[in-house]
């Protein structure tokens, strides 16, 4: 089973609706792949702030576990941000 982190970018070209999120979360839970997530709140830089790059465009994250990537990619086509012309980034979490 591979673990994935989905970074949700705040670049949708039109507003998402609560009903779209409800439908997506229902599909994500029904898939058995969804492991949780959250919106991203206030940020704090620690360390060398002069060279830090902002992640302000990341508005949330989700966690998924999947033995095969394709079912997860198919599910993400239904993500409200994607449906509204925005971007989500799927990152594999290697076991280290």
Foldseek 3Di string as FASTA:
>chain_A
DWKKKKFFFQDQPDDFDPVLVVVLVVVCVVVVFWDDKDFDDDDDDDDDPVPDDDPVRGGMMTMTDDPDCVVVVVSCCSRRSNVRVHDMDMDIDDDD
